[in-house]
Amino acid sequence: MTYTRESAHELAMAGLIHLAGQPDLIEGFLAATGLAPHDLRHAAQGGDIALHVLDYLLEDDRRVLEAAAALQVAPGDLMQARTALAGPGSHGWDI
């Protein structure tokens, strides 16, 4: 699937809902971002959190596979959505 910024943001917000339903995942996400639980709703409304959600999911193969299954998308869609939000070449990985 080709993602626009809007559809990528929607997928990321669905990913955030997935994280919120998994206590171990949401705790890890909050620790990684430095957000407190009460800050999460405000951050989600601002939209800036979308890229962080996708990055967190993409850090671990298990997270990718579980999120993709829960969201009913192909695992590669998470990276495509991230690229739509941040731009090509923004992943920061060296070959």
PDB file of N, CA and C in Angstrom:
ATOM      1  N   MET A   1       0.835  -1.179   0.000  1.00  0.00           N
ATOM      2  CA  MET A   1       0.000   0.000   0.000  1.00  0.00           C
ATOM      3  C   MET A   1       0.878   1.239   0.000  1.00  0.00           C
ATOM      4  N   THR A   2       0.445   2.265  -0.679  1.00  0.00           N
ATOM      5  CA  THR A   2       1.139   3.545  -0.663  1.00  0.00           C
ATOM      6  C   THR A   2       0.483   4.425   0.394  1.00  0.00           C
ATOM      7  N   TYR A   3       1.298   4.990   1.246  1.00  0.00           N
ATOM      8  CA  TYR A   3       0.778   5.807   2.344  1.00  0.00           C
ATOM      9  C   TYR A   3       0.975   7.286   2.072  1.00  0.00           C
ATOM     10  N   THR A   4      -0.059   8.045   2.365  1.00  0.00           N
ATOM     11  CA  THR A   4       0.053   9.496   2.415  1.00  0.00           C
ATOM     12  C   THR A   4       0.410   9.847   3.856  1.00  0.00           C
ATOM     13  N   ARG A   5       0.704  11.106   4.094  1.00  0.00           N
ATOM     14  CA  ARG A   5       0.977  11.509   5.484  1.00  0.00           C
ATOM     15  C   ARG A   5      -0.252  11.231   6.356  1.00  0.00           C
ATOM     16  N   GLU A   6      -1.435  11.484   5.814  1.00  0.00           N
ATOM     17  CA  GLU A   6      -2.658  11.272   6.592  1.00  0.00           C
ATOM     18  C   GLU A   6      -2.882   9.796   6.903  1.00  0.00           C
ATOM     19  N   SER A   7      -2.747   8.937   5.887  1.00  0.00           N
ATOM     20  CA  SER A   7      -2.982   7.509   6.130  1.00  0.00           C
ATOM     21  C   SER A   7      -1.890   6.922   7.015  1.00  0.00           C
ATOM     22  N   ALA A   8      -0.662   7.440   6.887  1.00  0.00           N
ATOM     23  CA  ALA A   8       0.427   6.986   7.759  1.00  0.00           C
ATOM     24  C   ALA A   8       0.147   7.387   9.205  1.00  0.00           C
ATOM     25  N   HIS A   9      -0.360   8.601   9.390  1.00  0.00           N
ATOM     26  CA  HIS A   9      -0.699   9.070  10.734  1.00  0.00           C
ATOM     27  C   HIS A   9      -1.807   8.207  11.326  1.00  0.00           C
ATOM     28  N   GLU A  10      -2.811   7.869  10.519  1.00  0.00           N
ATOM     29  CA  GLU A  10      -3.900   7.020  10.994  1.00  0.00           C
ATOM     30  C   GLU A  10      -3.382   5.644  11.414  1.00  0.00           C
ATOM     31  N   LEU A  11      -2.469   5.080  10.627  1.00  0.00           N
ATOM     32  CA  LEU A  11      -1.892   3.784  10.992  1.00  0.00           C
ATOM     33  C   LEU A  11      -1.107   3.903  12.298  1.00  0.00           C
ATOM     34  N   ALA A  12      -0.352   4.975  12.449  1.00  0.00           N
ATOM     35  CA  ALA A  12       0.415   5.176  13.682  1.00  0.00           C
ATOM     36  C   ALA A  12      -0.509   5.307  14.892  1.00  0.00           C
ATOM     37  N   MET A  13      -1.625   6.002  14.736  1.00  0.00           N
ATOM     38  CA  MET A  13      -2.564   6.148  15.851  1.00  0.00           C
ATOM     39  C   MET A  13      -3.220   4.800  16.179  1.00  0.00           C
ATOM     40  N   ALA A  14      -3.480   4.000  15.162  1.00  0.00           N
ATOM     41  CA  ALA A  14      -3.973   2.641  15.423  1.00  0.00           C
ATOM     42  C   ALA A  14      -2.896   1.843  16.144  1.00  0.00           C
ATOM     43  N   GLY A  15      -1.638   2.073  15.781  1.00  0.00           N
ATOM     44  CA  GLY A  15      -0.520   1.430  16.471  1.00  0.00           C
ATOM     45  C   GLY A  15      -0.436   1.851  17.924  1.00  0.00           C
ATOM     46  N   LEU A  16      -0.713   3.111  18.191  1.00  0.00           N
ATOM     47  CA  LEU A  16      -0.707   3.603  19.572  1.00  0.00           C
ATOM     48  C   LEU A  16      -1.814   2.929  20.382  1.00  0.00           C
ATOM     49  N   ILE A  17      -2.963   2.766  19.781  1.00  0.00           N
ATOM     50  CA  ILE A  17      -4.063   2.064  20.463  1.00  0.00           C
ATOM     51  C   ILE A  17      -3.651   0.620  20.741  1.00  0.00           C
ATOM     52  N   HIS A  18      -2.966   0.002  19.783  1.00  0.00           N
ATOM     53  CA  HIS A  18      -2.456  -1.361  19.988  1.00  0.00           C
ATOM     54  C   HIS A  18      -1.486  -1.379  21.170  1.00  0.00           C
ATOM     55  N   LEU A  19      -0.572  -0.426  21.209  1.00  0.00           N
ATOM     56  CA  LEU A  19       0.382  -0.358  22.322  1.00  0.00           C
ATOM     57  C   LEU A  19      -0.339  -0.188  23.657  1.00  0.00           C
ATOM     58  N   ALA A  20      -1.342   0.673  23.662  1.00  0.00           N
ATOM     59  CA  ALA A  20      -2.063   0.956  24.900  1.00  0.00           C
ATOM     60  C   ALA A  20      -2.774  -0.276  25.449  1.00  0.00           C
ATOM     61  N   GLY A  21      -3.108  -1.203  24.576  1.00  0.00           N
ATOM     62  CA  GLY A  21      -3.778  -2.430  25.005  1.00  0.00           C
ATOM     63  C   GLY A  21      -2.831  -3.502  25.505  1.00  0.00           C
ATOM     64  N   GLN A  22      -1.544  -3.239  25.443  1.00  0.00           N
ATOM     65  CA  GLN A  22      -0.529  -4.192  25.881  1.00  0.00           C
ATOM     66  C   GLN A  22       0.318  -3.531  26.980  1.00  0.00           C
ATOM     67  N   PRO A  23       0.060  -3.828  28.248  1.00  0.00           N
ATOM     68  CA  PRO A  23       0.763  -3.131  29.336  1.00  0.00           C
ATOM     69  C   PRO A  23       2.289  -3.111  29.204  1.00  0.00           C
ATOM     70  N   ASP A  24       2.894  -4.221  28.814  1.00  0.00           N
ATOM     71  CA  ASP A  24       4.358  -4.234  28.700  1.00  0.00           C
ATOM     72  C   ASP A  24       4.827  -3.337  27.559  1.00  0.00           C
ATOM     73  N   LEU A  25       4.072  -3.281  26.472  1.00  0.00           N
ATOM     74  CA  LEU A  25       4.468  -2.444  25.341  1.00  0.00           C
ATOM     75  C   LEU A  25       4.288  -0.966  25.644  1.00  0.00           C
ATOM     76  N   ILE A  26       3.177  -0.591  26.240  1.00  0.00           N
ATOM     77  CA  ILE A  26       2.957   0.830  26.514  1.00  0.00           C
ATOM     78  C   ILE A  26       3.940   1.332  27.560  1.00  0.00           C
ATOM     79  N   GLU A  27       4.290   0.487  28.517  1.00  0.00           N
ATOM     80  CA  GLU A  27       5.296   0.892  29.506  1.00  0.00           C
ATOM     81  C   GLU A  27       6.644   1.121  28.836  1.00  0.00           C
ATOM     82  N   GLY A  28       7.012   0.229  27.934  1.00  0.00           N
ATOM     83  CA  GLY A  28       8.267   0.396  27.195  1.00  0.00           C
ATOM     84  C   GLY A  28       8.243   1.634  26.318  1.00  0.00           C
ATOM     85  N   PHE A  29       7.116   1.887  25.676  1.00  0.00           N
ATOM     86  CA  PHE A  29       6.979   3.073  24.832  1.00  0.00           C
ATOM     87  C   PHE A  29       7.103   4.342  25.665  1.00  0.00           C
ATOM     88  N   LEU A  30       6.417   4.383  26.796  1.00  0.00           N
ATOM     89  CA  LEU A  30       6.492   5.562  27.665  1.00  0.00           C
ATOM     90  C   LEU A  30       7.917   5.770  28.161  1.00  0.00           C
ATOM     91  N   ALA A  31       8.589   4.702  28.518  1.00  0.00           N
ATOM     92  CA  ALA A  31       9.977   4.817  28.974  1.00  0.00           C
ATOM     93  C   ALA A  31      10.878   5.323  27.845  1.00  0.00           C
ATOM     94  N   ALA A  32      10.662   4.829  26.644  1.00  0.00           N
ATOM     95  CA  ALA A  32      11.496   5.225  25.509  1.00  0.00           C
ATOM     96  C   ALA A  32      11.277   6.687  25.121  1.00  0.00           C
ATOM     97  N   THR A  33      10.056   7.168  25.257  1.00  0.00           N
ATOM     98  CA  THR A  33       9.745   8.545  24.852  1.00  0.00           C
ATOM     99  C   THR A  33       9.895   9.551  25.977  1.00  0.00           C
ATOM    100  N   GLY A  34       9.888   9.066  27.218  1.00  0.00           N
ATOM    101  CA  GLY A  34       9.955   9.974  28.352  1.00  0.00           C
ATOM    102  C   GLY A  34       8.610  10.597  28.698  1.00  0.00           C
ATOM    103  N   LEU A  35       7.555  10.122  28.052  1.00  0.00           N
ATOM    104  CA  LEU A  35       6.220  10.633  28.348  1.00  0.00           C
ATOM    105  C   LEU A  35       5.665   9.981  29.603  1.00  0.00           C
ATOM    106  N   ALA A  36       4.876  10.725  30.322  1.00  0.00           N
ATOM    107  CA  ALA A  36       4.123  10.177  31.443  1.00  0.00           C
ATOM    108  C   ALA A  36       2.764   9.746  30.907  1.00  0.00           C
ATOM    109  N   PRO A  37       2.114   8.782  31.553  1.00  0.00           N
ATOM    110  CA  PRO A  37       0.810   8.329  31.064  1.00  0.00           C
ATOM    111  C   PRO A  37      -0.189   9.471  30.848  1.00  0.00           C
ATOM    112  N   HIS A  38      -0.198  10.460  31.732  1.00  0.00           N
ATOM    113  CA  HIS A  38      -1.153  11.558  31.591  1.00  0.00           C
ATOM    114  C   HIS A  38      -0.802  12.495  30.427  1.00  0.00           C
ATOM    115  N   ASP A  39       0.421  12.419  29.914  1.00  0.00           N
ATOM    116  CA  ASP A  39       0.831  13.231  28.768  1.00  0.00           C
ATOM    117  C   ASP A  39       0.459  12.587  27.438  1.00  0.00           C
ATOM    118  N   LEU A  40       0.140  11.318  27.459  1.00  0.00           N
ATOM    119  CA  LEU A  40      -0.055  10.556  26.234  1.00  0.00           C
ATOM    120  C   LEU A  40      -1.221  11.076  25.400  1.00  0.00           C
ATOM    121  N   ARG A  41      -2.339  11.351  26.013  1.00  0.00           N
ATOM    122  CA  ARG A  41      -3.507  11.831  25.265  1.00  0.00           C
ATOM    123  C   ARG A  41      -3.204  13.162  24.585  1.00  0.00           C
ATOM    124  N   HIS A  42      -2.563  14.060  25.304  1.00  0.00           N
ATOM    125  CA  HIS A  42      -2.221  15.364  24.729  1.00  0.00           C
ATOM    126  C   HIS A  42      -1.244  15.184  23.567  1.00  0.00           C
ATOM    127  N   ALA A  43      -0.258  14.342  23.730  1.00  0.00           N
ATOM    128  CA  ALA A  43       0.724  14.100  22.671  1.00  0.00           C
ATOM    129  C   ALA A  43       0.069  13.476  21.445  1.00  0.00           C
ATOM    130  N   ALA A  44      -0.878  12.585  21.655  1.00  0.00           N
ATOM    131  CA  ALA A  44      -1.559  11.927  20.535  1.00  0.00           C
ATOM    132  C   ALA A  44      -2.407  12.921  19.752  1.00  0.00           C
ATOM    133  N   GLN A  45      -2.991  13.880  20.415  1.00  0.00           N
ATOM    134  CA  GLN A  45      -3.818  14.878  19.732  1.00  0.00           C
ATOM    135  C   GLN A  45      -2.971  15.822  18.896  1.00  0.00           C
ATOM    136  N   GLY A  46      -1.730  16.031  19.306  1.00  0.00           N
ATOM    137  CA  GLY A  46      -0.848  16.933  18.570  1.00  0.00           C
ATOM    138  C   GLY A  46      -0.309  16.331  17.286  1.00  0.00           C
ATOM    139  N   GLY A  47      -0.289  15.026  17.186  1.00  0.00           N
ATOM    140  CA  GLY A  47       0.154  14.380  15.968  1.00  0.00           C
ATOM    141  C   GLY A  47       1.649  14.122  15.881  1.00  0.00           C
ATOM    142  N   ASP A  48       2.441  14.789  16.692  1.00  0.00           N
ATOM    143  CA  ASP A  48       3.888  14.602  16.619  1.00  0.00           C
ATOM    144  C   ASP A  48       4.331  13.228  17.088  1.00  0.00           C
ATOM    145  N   ILE A  49       3.480  12.549  17.777  1.00  0.00           N
ATOM    146  CA  ILE A  49       3.843  11.261  18.355  1.00  0.00           C
ATOM    147  C   ILE A  49       3.830  10.126  17.325  1.00  0.00           C
ATOM    148  N   ALA A  50       3.190  10.342  16.193  1.00  0.00           N
ATOM    149  CA  ALA A  50       3.011   9.279  15.197  1.00  0.00           C
ATOM    150  C   ALA A  50       4.334   8.648  14.790  1.00  0.00           C
ATOM    151  N   LEU A  51       5.324   9.456  14.496  1.00  0.00           N
ATOM    152  CA  LEU A  51       6.621   8.931  14.089  1.00  0.00           C
ATOM    153  C   LEU A  51       7.265   8.125  15.213  1.00  0.00           C
ATOM    154  N   HIS A  52       7.112   8.563  16.436  1.00  0.00           N
ATOM    155  CA  HIS A  52       7.681   7.853  17.584  1.00  0.00           C
ATOM    156  C   HIS A  52       7.015   6.486  17.775  1.00  0.00           C
ATOM    157  N   VAL A  53       5.714   6.431  17.553  1.00  0.00           N
ATOM    158  CA  VAL A  53       5.000   5.161  17.659  1.00  0.00           C
ATOM    159  C   VAL A  53       5.553   4.173  16.641  1.00  0.00           C
ATOM    160  N   LEU A  54       5.663   4.618  15.392  1.00  0.00           N
ATOM    161  CA  LEU A  54       6.169   3.722  14.348  1.00  0.00           C
ATOM    162  C   LEU A  54       7.612   3.320  14.622  1.00  0.00           C
ATOM    163  N   ASP A  55       8.429   4.258  15.050  1.00  0.00           N
ATOM    164  CA  ASP A  55       9.822   3.916  15.381  1.00  0.00           C
ATOM    165  C   ASP A  55       9.887   2.856  16.474  1.00  0.00           C
ATOM    166  N   TYR A  56       9.073   3.021  17.506  1.00  0.00           N
ATOM    167  CA  TYR A  56       9.079   2.057  18.601  1.00  0.00           C
ATOM    168  C   TYR A  56       8.658   0.675  18.108  1.00  0.00           C
ATOM    169  N   LEU A  57       7.619   0.623  17.305  1.00  0.00           N
ATOM    170  CA  LEU A  57       7.180  -0.670  16.778  1.00  0.00           C
ATOM    171  C   LEU A  57       8.250  -1.296  15.900  1.00  0.00           C
ATOM    172  N   LEU A  58       8.921  -0.482  15.104  1.00  0.00           N
ATOM    173  CA  LEU A  58       9.908  -0.987  14.148  1.00  0.00           C
ATOM    174  C   LEU A  58      11.240  -1.390  14.789  1.00  0.00           C
ATOM    175  N   GLU A  59      11.446  -1.061  16.043  1.00  0.00           N
ATOM    176  CA  GLU A  59      12.696  -1.414  16.718  1.00  0.00           C
ATOM    177  C   GLU A  59      12.838  -2.910  16.975  1.00  0.00           C
ATOM    178  N   ASP A  60      11.749  -3.644  16.941  1.00  0.00           N
ATOM    179  CA  ASP A  60      11.779  -5.045  17.334  1.00  0.00           C
ATOM    180  C   ASP A  60      10.917  -5.861  16.371  1.00  0.00           C
ATOM    181  N   ASP A  61      11.478  -6.921  15.822  1.00  0.00           N
ATOM    182  CA  ASP A  61      10.742  -7.742  14.855  1.00  0.00           C
ATOM    183  C   ASP A  61       9.449  -8.304  15.436  1.00  0.00           C
ATOM    184  N   ARG A  62       9.490  -8.713  16.687  1.00  0.00           N
ATOM    185  CA  ARG A  62       8.283  -9.256  17.317  1.00  0.00           C
ATOM    186  C   ARG A  62       7.193  -8.198  17.378  1.00  0.00           C
ATOM    187  N   ARG A  63       7.582  -6.959  17.731  1.00  0.00           N
ATOM    188  CA  ARG A  63       6.606  -5.873  17.783  1.00  0.00           C
ATOM    189  C   ARG A  63       6.008  -5.605  16.404  1.00  0.00           C
ATOM    190  N   VAL A  64       6.865  -5.644  15.386  1.00  0.00           N
ATOM    191  CA  VAL A  64       6.388  -5.416  14.017  1.00  0.00           C
ATOM    192  C   VAL A  64       5.353  -6.467  13.638  1.00  0.00           C
ATOM    193  N   LEU A  65       5.698  -7.721  13.851  1.00  0.00           N
ATOM    194  CA  LEU A  65       4.809  -8.803  13.450  1.00  0.00           C
ATOM    195  C   LEU A  65       3.494  -8.789  14.231  1.00  0.00           C
ATOM    196  N   GLU A  66       3.573  -8.562  15.529  1.00  0.00           N
ATOM    197  CA  GLU A  66       2.359  -8.531  16.346  1.00  0.00           C
ATOM    198  C   GLU A  66       1.483  -7.328  16.005  1.00  0.00           C
ATOM    199  N   ALA A  67       2.099  -6.167  15.810  1.00  0.00           N
ATOM    200  CA  ALA A  67       1.320  -4.979  15.464  1.00  0.00           C
ATOM    201  C   ALA A  67       0.687  -5.131  14.086  1.00  0.00           C
ATOM    202  N   ALA A  68       1.444  -5.633  13.130  1.00  0.00           N
ATOM    203  CA  ALA A  68       0.910  -5.819  11.785  1.00  0.00           C
ATOM    204  C   ALA A  68      -0.287  -6.764  11.810  1.00  0.00           C
ATOM    205  N   ALA A  69      -0.179  -7.832  12.563  1.00  0.00           N
ATOM    206  CA  ALA A  69      -1.291  -8.776  12.660  1.00  0.00           C
ATOM    207  C   ALA A  69      -2.501  -8.111  13.322  1.00  0.00           C
ATOM    208  N   ALA A  70      -2.267  -7.381  14.391  1.00  0.00           N
ATOM    209  CA  ALA A  70      -3.367  -6.727  15.107  1.00  0.00           C
ATOM    210  C   ALA A  70      -4.028  -5.640  14.262  1.00  0.00           C
ATOM    211  N   LEU A  71      -3.232  -4.951  13.452  1.00  0.00           N
ATOM    212  CA  LEU A  71      -3.742  -3.858  12.633  1.00  0.00           C
ATOM    213  C   LEU A  71      -4.197  -4.323  11.255  1.00  0.00           C
ATOM    214  N   GLN A  72      -3.983  -5.600  10.987  1.00  0.00           N
ATOM    215  CA  GLN A  72      -4.367  -6.214   9.718  1.00  0.00           C
ATOM    216  C   GLN A  72      -3.715  -5.529   8.525  1.00  0.00           C
ATOM    217  N   VAL A  73      -2.393  -5.325   8.645  1.00  0.00           N
ATOM    218  CA  VAL A  73      -1.597  -4.780   7.550  1.00  0.00           C
ATOM    219  C   VAL A  73      -0.382  -5.677   7.362  1.00  0.00           C
ATOM    220  N   ALA A  74       0.284  -5.526   6.244  1.00  0.00           N
ATOM    221  CA  ALA A  74       1.539  -6.254   6.022  1.00  0.00           C
ATOM    222  C   ALA A  74       2.614  -5.632   6.917  1.00  0.00           C
ATOM    223  N   PRO A  75       3.550  -6.430   7.416  1.00  0.00           N
ATOM    224  CA  PRO A  75       4.605  -5.869   8.262  1.00  0.00           C
ATOM    225  C   PRO A  75       5.351  -4.701   7.606  1.00  0.00           C
ATOM    226  N   GLY A  76       5.588  -4.787   6.315  1.00  0.00           N
ATOM    227  CA  GLY A  76       6.294  -3.718   5.609  1.00  0.00           C
ATOM    228  C   GLY A  76       5.533  -2.406   5.566  1.00  0.00           C
ATOM    229  N   ASP A  77       4.225  -2.462   5.789  1.00  0.00           N
ATOM    230  CA  ASP A  77       3.423  -1.237   5.797  1.00  0.00           C
ATOM    231  C   ASP A  77       3.846  -0.293   6.908  1.00  0.00           C
ATOM    232  N   LEU A  78       4.327  -0.839   8.014  1.00  0.00           N
ATOM    233  CA  LEU A  78       4.754   0.028   9.111  1.00  0.00           C
ATOM    234  C   LEU A  78       5.937   0.891   8.684  1.00  0.00           C
ATOM    235  N   MET A  79       6.882   0.318   7.937  1.00  0.00           N
ATOM    236  CA  MET A  79       8.018   1.094   7.452  1.00  0.00           C
ATOM    237  C   MET A  79       7.587   2.056   6.351  1.00  0.00           C
ATOM    238  N   GLN A  80       6.677   1.628   5.506  1.00  0.00           N
ATOM    239  CA  GLN A  80       6.184   2.531   4.463  1.00  0.00           C
ATOM    240  C   GLN A  80       5.478   3.732   5.084  1.00  0.00           C
ATOM    241  N   ALA A  81       4.717   3.504   6.130  1.00  0.00           N
ATOM    242  CA  ALA A  81       4.043   4.603   6.819  1.00  0.00           C
ATOM    243  C   ALA A  81       5.062   5.531   7.470  1.00  0.00           C
ATOM    244  N   ARG A  82       6.104   4.957   8.054  1.00  0.00           N
ATOM    245  CA  ARG A  82       7.145   5.771   8.669  1.00  0.00           C
ATOM    246  C   ARG A  82       7.818   6.652   7.621  1.00  0.00           C
ATOM    247  N   THR A  83       8.109   6.079   6.466  1.00  0.00           N
ATOM    248  CA  THR A  83       8.737   6.830   5.386  1.00  0.00           C
ATOM    249  C   THR A  83       7.825   7.951   4.901  1.00  0.00           C
ATOM    250  N   ALA A  84       6.523   7.688   4.848  1.00  0.00           N
ATOM    251  CA  ALA A  84       5.573   8.724   4.439  1.00  0.00           C
ATOM    252  C   ALA A  84       5.577   9.901   5.408  1.00  0.00           C
ATOM    253  N   LEU A  85       5.795   9.617   6.686  1.00  0.00           N
ATOM    254  CA  LEU A  85       5.810  10.684   7.691  1.00  0.00           C
ATOM    255  C   LEU A  85       7.132  11.443   7.732  1.00  0.00           C
ATOM    256  N   ALA A  86       8.236  10.717   7.635  1.00  0.00           N
ATOM    257  CA  ALA A  86       9.547  11.332   7.852  1.00  0.00           C
ATOM    258  C   ALA A  86      10.322  11.593   6.564  1.00  0.00           C
ATOM    259  N   GLY A  87       9.903  10.971   5.477  1.00  0.00           N
ATOM    260  CA  GLY A  87      10.599  11.145   4.216  1.00  0.00           C
ATOM    261  C   GLY A  87      11.574  10.016   3.948  1.00  0.00           C
ATOM    262  N   PRO A  88      11.870   9.775   2.665  1.00  0.00           N
ATOM    263  CA  PRO A  88      12.814   8.711   2.320  1.00  0.00           C
ATOM    264  C   PRO A  88      14.217   9.030   2.837  1.00  0.00           C
ATOM    265  N   GLY A  89      14.913   7.971   3.225  1.00  0.00           N
ATOM    266  CA  GLY A  89      16.275   8.140   3.728  1.00  0.00           C
ATOM    267  C   GLY A  89      16.347   8.662   5.139  1.00  0.00           C
ATOM    268  N   SER A  90      15.229   8.762   5.816  1.00  0.00           N
ATOM    269  CA  SER A  90      15.199   9.349   7.162  1.00  0.00           C
ATOM    270  C   SER A  90      15.389   8.320   8.275  1.00  0.00           C
ATOM    271  N   HIS A  91      15.587   7.079   7.897  1.00  0.00           N
ATOM    272  CA  HIS A  91      15.670   6.033   8.921  1.00  0.00           C
ATOM    273  C   HIS A  91      16.975   6.057   9.681  1.00  0.00           C
ATOM    274  N   GLY A  92      18.006   6.690   9.134  1.00  0.00           N
ATOM    275  CA  GLY A  92      19.261   6.846   9.859  1.00  0.00           C
ATOM    276  C   GLY A  92      20.127   5.619   9.916  1.00  0.00           C
ATOM    277  N   TRP A  93      19.794   4.582   9.159  1.00  0.00           N
ATOM    278  CA  TRP A  93      20.597   3.374   9.184  1.00  0.00           C
ATOM    279  C   TRP A  93      21.690   3.471   8.132  1.00  0.00           C
ATOM    280  N   ASP A  94      22.861   3.000   8.483  1.00  0.00           N
ATOM    281  CA  ASP A  94      23.954   2.929   7.513  1.00  0.00           C
ATOM    282  C   ASP A  94      23.998   1.539   6.928  1.00  0.00           C
ATOM    283  N   ILE A  95      24.336   1.486   5.645  1.00  0.00           N
ATOM    284  CA  ILE A  95      24.469   0.183   4.987  1.00  0.00           C
ATOM    285  C   ILE A  95      25.883  -0.326   5.185  1.00  0.00           C
TER     286      ILE A  95
END
